N, C-alpha and C. Protein backbone atom coordinates (compact mmCIF):
# COMPACT_ATOMS: atom_id res chain seq x y z
N MET A 1 60.99 137.11 89.65
CA MET A 1 61.49 137.48 91.10
C MET A 1 61.10 136.38 92.25
N ASN A 2 59.75 136.02 91.94
CA ASN A 2 59.36 134.90 93.02
C ASN A 2 60.14 133.60 93.05
N THR A 3 60.65 133.36 91.80
CA THR A 3 61.39 132.15 91.53
C THR A 3 62.95 131.98 92.22
N ILE A 4 63.10 133.35 92.25
CA ILE A 4 64.63 133.56 92.58
C ILE A 4 64.72 133.40 94.18
N LEU A 5 63.32 134.15 94.74
CA LEU A 5 63.28 133.84 96.41
C LEU A 5 63.06 132.89 96.83
N LEU A 6 62.21 131.97 96.11
CA LEU A 6 61.95 130.43 96.28
C LEU A 6 63.32 129.90 96.18
N ALA A 7 64.14 129.91 95.46
CA ALA A 7 65.31 129.27 95.15
C ALA A 7 66.25 129.51 96.09
N ALA A 8 66.34 130.45 96.26
CA ALA A 8 67.33 131.17 97.85
C ALA A 8 66.95 130.45 98.84
N GLN A 9 65.54 130.28 99.44
CA GLN A 9 64.80 129.75 100.72
C GLN A 9 65.18 128.31 100.47
N ALA A 10 65.06 127.58 99.54
CA ALA A 10 65.36 126.14 99.27
C ALA A 10 66.97 125.90 99.52
N ALA A 11 67.84 126.79 99.24
CA ALA A 11 69.17 126.20 99.08
C ALA A 11 69.35 126.58 100.98
N GLN A 12 68.59 127.35 101.49
CA GLN A 12 69.13 127.88 103.01
C GLN A 12 68.75 126.46 103.68
N GLY A 13 67.38 125.92 103.35
CA GLY A 13 66.75 124.65 103.99
C GLY A 13 67.67 123.55 103.89
N GLY A 14 68.56 123.57 102.62
CA GLY A 14 69.45 122.36 102.40
C GLY A 14 70.57 122.42 103.20
N GLY A 15 70.96 123.27 103.88
CA GLY A 15 71.94 123.29 104.91
C GLY A 15 72.22 122.44 106.05
N TYR A 16 70.67 122.17 106.71
CA TYR A 16 70.92 121.37 108.02
C TYR A 16 70.83 119.72 107.09
N GLY A 17 70.18 119.51 106.03
CA GLY A 17 70.25 118.23 105.20
C GLY A 17 71.88 117.77 105.12
N MET A 18 72.65 118.95 104.39
CA MET A 18 74.04 118.65 104.03
C MET A 18 74.93 118.35 105.59
N LEU A 19 74.27 119.32 106.78
CA LEU A 19 74.89 118.92 108.20
C LEU A 19 74.99 117.29 108.68
N ILE A 20 73.36 116.85 108.59
CA ILE A 20 73.14 115.84 108.89
C ILE A 20 73.99 114.66 108.09
N MET A 21 74.05 114.89 106.77
CA MET A 21 74.81 113.92 105.95
C MET A 21 76.08 113.70 106.41
N MET A 22 76.84 114.57 106.77
CA MET A 22 78.43 115.00 107.17
C MET A 22 78.46 114.03 108.59
N VAL A 23 77.29 114.53 109.35
CA VAL A 23 77.52 113.86 110.76
C VAL A 23 77.30 112.38 110.59
N ALA A 24 76.26 111.90 109.70
CA ALA A 24 76.14 110.42 109.45
C ALA A 24 77.11 109.74 109.05
N ILE A 25 78.11 110.30 107.86
CA ILE A 25 79.39 109.73 106.97
C ILE A 25 80.48 109.88 108.31
N PHE A 26 80.73 110.27 108.96
CA PHE A 26 81.35 110.77 110.26
C PHE A 26 81.26 109.36 110.99
N ALA A 27 79.96 109.35 111.45
CA ALA A 27 79.57 108.06 112.33
C ALA A 27 79.91 106.86 111.49
N ILE A 28 79.56 106.60 110.44
CA ILE A 28 79.85 105.34 109.59
C ILE A 28 81.35 105.26 109.55
N MET A 29 81.96 106.21 109.55
CA MET A 29 83.52 105.88 109.01
C MET A 29 83.98 105.67 110.69
N TYR A 30 83.39 106.11 111.77
CA TYR A 30 83.93 105.86 112.86
C TYR A 30 83.69 104.31 113.42
N PHE A 31 82.30 103.81 113.27
CA PHE A 31 81.94 102.82 113.44
C PHE A 31 82.69 101.50 112.76
N PHE A 32 83.04 101.64 111.31
CA PHE A 32 83.62 100.91 110.50
C PHE A 32 84.79 100.45 110.56
N MET A 33 85.46 101.86 110.56
CA MET A 33 87.04 102.08 110.62
C MET A 33 87.82 102.59 111.73
N ILE A 34 87.54 103.55 112.40
CA ILE A 34 88.36 103.83 113.46
C ILE A 34 88.05 103.27 114.57
N ARG A 35 87.07 102.73 114.99
CA ARG A 35 86.94 102.05 116.45
C ARG A 35 87.56 100.49 116.38
N PRO A 36 87.32 99.89 115.16
CA PRO A 36 87.89 98.28 115.10
C PRO A 36 89.20 98.49 115.55
N GLN A 37 90.00 99.48 114.55
CA GLN A 37 91.35 99.85 114.73
C GLN A 37 91.85 100.17 116.09
N GLN A 38 91.17 100.60 116.89
CA GLN A 38 91.46 101.22 117.98
C GLN A 38 91.49 99.99 119.23
N LYS A 39 90.39 99.11 118.91
CA LYS A 39 90.17 97.91 119.72
C LYS A 39 91.39 96.54 119.46
N GLN A 40 91.84 96.66 118.25
CA GLN A 40 93.18 95.91 117.65
C GLN A 40 94.03 96.40 118.32
N GLN A 41 94.49 97.70 118.53
CA GLN A 41 95.65 98.16 118.99
C GLN A 41 95.61 97.95 120.35
N LYS A 42 94.47 98.08 121.27
CA LYS A 42 94.22 97.62 122.62
C LYS A 42 94.67 96.12 123.11
N LYS A 43 94.23 95.23 122.26
CA LYS A 43 94.53 94.04 122.24
C LYS A 43 95.89 93.40 122.16
N ILE A 44 96.60 94.06 121.08
CA ILE A 44 98.04 93.95 120.90
C ILE A 44 98.77 94.78 122.09
N ARG A 45 98.34 96.00 122.67
CA ARG A 45 99.08 96.31 123.83
C ARG A 45 98.78 95.56 125.05
N GLU A 46 97.77 95.01 125.02
CA GLU A 46 97.81 94.00 126.17
C GLU A 46 98.20 92.83 126.10
N PHE A 47 98.44 92.16 124.73
CA PHE A 47 99.32 91.08 124.67
C PHE A 47 100.80 91.30 124.98
N GLN A 48 101.41 92.59 124.63
CA GLN A 48 102.60 93.14 124.87
C GLN A 48 102.87 93.36 126.42
N ASN A 49 101.77 93.67 126.96
CA ASN A 49 102.41 93.87 128.42
C ASN A 49 102.15 92.47 129.20
N SER A 50 101.49 91.76 128.59
CA SER A 50 101.38 90.36 129.50
C SER A 50 102.53 89.12 128.81
N LEU A 51 103.42 90.03 128.31
CA LEU A 51 104.57 88.81 127.76
C LEU A 51 105.28 87.97 128.95
N LYS A 52 105.96 87.10 129.19
CA LYS A 52 106.82 86.40 130.01
C LYS A 52 107.84 85.73 129.42
N ASP A 53 108.93 85.33 129.93
CA ASP A 53 109.71 84.14 129.45
C ASP A 53 108.95 82.92 128.93
N GLY A 54 109.36 82.68 127.59
CA GLY A 54 109.37 81.26 127.36
C GLY A 54 107.75 81.10 126.29
N ASP A 55 107.56 82.69 126.45
CA ASP A 55 106.20 82.76 125.10
C ASP A 55 106.69 82.28 124.02
N LYS A 56 105.93 81.96 123.12
CA LYS A 56 106.42 82.10 121.76
C LYS A 56 105.48 83.18 120.83
N VAL A 57 106.23 83.89 120.15
CA VAL A 57 105.96 85.25 119.61
C VAL A 57 106.23 85.51 118.16
N VAL A 58 105.56 85.90 117.19
CA VAL A 58 105.79 86.55 116.10
C VAL A 58 106.38 87.95 116.00
N LEU A 59 107.22 88.22 115.55
CA LEU A 59 107.89 89.70 115.42
C LEU A 59 107.22 90.77 114.23
N GLY A 60 107.28 91.79 114.22
CA GLY A 60 106.81 92.70 113.39
C GLY A 60 107.36 92.14 112.02
N GLY A 61 108.68 91.44 111.54
CA GLY A 61 108.71 91.17 110.17
C GLY A 61 108.54 90.02 110.00
N GLY A 62 107.57 88.97 110.82
CA GLY A 62 107.19 87.67 110.40
C GLY A 62 107.95 86.70 111.24
N ILE A 63 108.96 87.25 111.67
CA ILE A 63 109.97 86.13 112.42
C ILE A 63 109.31 85.70 113.78
N HIS A 64 109.43 84.12 113.89
CA HIS A 64 108.98 83.47 114.87
C HIS A 64 110.06 83.07 116.10
N GLY A 65 109.67 83.27 117.18
CA GLY A 65 110.44 82.82 118.24
C GLY A 65 109.92 82.90 119.61
N THR A 66 110.98 82.62 120.66
CA THR A 66 110.50 82.38 121.88
C THR A 66 111.15 83.41 122.88
N VAL A 67 110.20 84.16 123.62
CA VAL A 67 110.75 84.99 124.32
C VAL A 67 111.85 84.57 125.80
N ARG A 68 113.26 85.24 125.76
CA ARG A 68 114.28 84.79 126.51
C ARG A 68 114.11 85.61 127.67
N ARG A 69 114.09 86.77 127.45
CA ARG A 69 114.43 88.02 128.64
C ARG A 69 113.55 89.20 128.33
N ILE A 70 112.91 89.56 129.53
CA ILE A 70 112.37 90.67 129.00
C ILE A 70 112.81 91.91 130.23
N ASP A 71 113.37 93.21 129.51
CA ASP A 71 113.58 93.99 130.08
C ASP A 71 112.62 95.24 130.02
N LEU A 72 112.19 95.86 131.08
CA LEU A 72 110.83 96.49 131.22
C LEU A 72 111.42 98.10 131.24
N ALA A 73 112.67 98.42 131.94
CA ALA A 73 112.96 99.71 132.33
C ALA A 73 113.72 100.01 130.77
N ASN A 74 113.83 99.40 129.56
CA ASN A 74 114.36 99.75 128.44
C ASN A 74 113.52 99.41 127.38
N ALA A 75 112.10 98.82 127.59
CA ALA A 75 111.30 98.39 126.66
C ALA A 75 111.91 97.19 125.89
N VAL A 76 112.64 96.50 126.15
CA VAL A 76 113.30 95.64 125.02
C VAL A 76 112.91 93.92 125.43
N ILE A 77 112.96 93.42 124.39
CA ILE A 77 112.73 91.84 124.82
C ILE A 77 114.04 90.93 123.96
N ASP A 78 114.68 90.13 124.54
CA ASP A 78 115.50 89.11 123.89
C ASP A 78 114.45 88.03 123.49
N VAL A 79 114.89 87.67 122.14
CA VAL A 79 113.89 86.65 121.50
C VAL A 79 114.99 85.46 120.79
N GLU A 80 114.67 84.27 121.33
CA GLU A 80 115.58 83.00 120.54
C GLU A 80 114.82 83.25 119.35
N ILE A 81 115.48 83.07 118.24
CA ILE A 81 114.83 82.98 116.83
C ILE A 81 115.39 81.68 116.28
N ALA A 82 116.44 80.94 116.62
CA ALA A 82 117.07 79.61 116.64
C ALA A 82 117.76 79.26 117.78
N ARG A 83 118.11 77.96 117.38
CA ARG A 83 118.89 77.61 118.58
C ARG A 83 120.45 78.18 118.67
N GLY A 84 120.38 78.92 119.92
CA GLY A 84 121.51 79.73 120.04
C GLY A 84 121.83 81.38 119.52
N VAL A 85 120.50 81.47 118.55
CA VAL A 85 120.43 82.99 118.20
C VAL A 85 119.39 83.69 119.15
N VAL A 86 119.84 84.70 119.53
CA VAL A 86 118.85 85.72 120.46
C VAL A 86 119.16 87.09 120.21
N VAL A 87 118.06 87.70 119.67
CA VAL A 87 117.83 89.00 118.97
C VAL A 87 117.28 89.85 119.96
N THR A 88 117.70 91.14 120.24
CA THR A 88 117.21 92.29 121.26
C THR A 88 116.04 92.97 120.04
N VAL A 89 114.91 92.98 120.54
CA VAL A 89 114.09 93.66 119.79
C VAL A 89 113.29 94.54 120.84
N ASP A 90 112.48 95.54 120.12
CA ASP A 90 111.85 96.49 121.03
C ASP A 90 110.31 95.79 121.18
N LYS A 91 110.12 96.29 122.64
CA LYS A 91 108.83 95.37 123.17
C LYS A 91 107.81 95.43 122.08
N ASN A 92 107.72 96.87 121.17
CA ASN A 92 106.47 97.22 120.55
C ASN A 92 106.58 96.25 118.99
N GLY A 93 107.59 95.72 118.97
CA GLY A 93 107.95 94.98 117.56
C GLY A 93 107.34 93.66 117.62
N VAL A 94 106.82 93.47 118.92
CA VAL A 94 105.78 91.90 119.11
C VAL A 94 104.62 92.03 119.02
N PHE A 95 104.07 91.45 117.89
CA PHE A 95 102.62 91.75 117.44
C PHE A 95 101.93 90.41 117.90
N ALA A 96 101.99 89.16 117.67
CA ALA A 96 101.31 88.18 118.33
C ALA A 96 102.20 87.02 118.76
N ASP A 97 101.22 85.91 119.11
CA ASP A 97 101.95 84.82 119.63
C ASP A 97 101.61 83.56 118.54
N ASN A 98 102.20 82.50 118.90
CA ASN A 98 102.23 81.61 117.32
C ASN A 98 100.74 81.19 117.24
N ALA A 99 100.13 80.79 118.32
CA ALA A 99 99.03 80.20 118.33
C ALA A 99 97.87 81.43 117.65
N SER A 100 97.76 82.59 117.77
CA SER A 100 96.76 83.52 117.15
C SER A 100 97.16 83.47 115.67
N ALA A 101 98.25 83.56 115.59
CA ALA A 101 99.23 83.90 114.17
C ALA A 101 98.73 82.67 113.42
N SER A 102 98.78 81.29 113.62
CA SER A 102 98.07 80.24 112.69
C SER A 102 96.88 80.37 112.56
N GLN A 103 95.94 80.92 113.72
CA GLN A 103 94.68 80.90 113.38
C GLN A 103 94.36 81.82 112.50
N GLN A 104 94.86 83.24 112.18
CA GLN A 104 94.69 83.81 111.62
C GLN A 104 95.04 83.79 110.22
N GLN A 105 95.86 82.48 109.76
CA GLN A 105 96.30 82.44 108.56
C GLN A 105 95.18 81.47 107.94
N LYS A 106 94.57 80.73 108.63
CA LYS A 106 93.60 79.55 108.53
C LYS A 106 92.25 80.21 107.59
């Protein structure tokens, strides 16, 4: 009978250890996965908001081009991808400039 009571008490004390482990796992996930992703998204948003005519950019599909016109009211950007070929893309479809894209490939 005593062994059953001792086992029950040991199981109750293990609850705090399990809670501490869960908190530690969440903290590890936050600092190694969630936080870096949020920082990267913030950096992309700042880049998108600082675009101006003539900037060289890389679109979401990997297409390189030059910004020709920015329409902030509709959140669209006209990008020239070849001489005389201008496409209109959503502002959120622009992810990087040519300089940072070429640095990431190295």
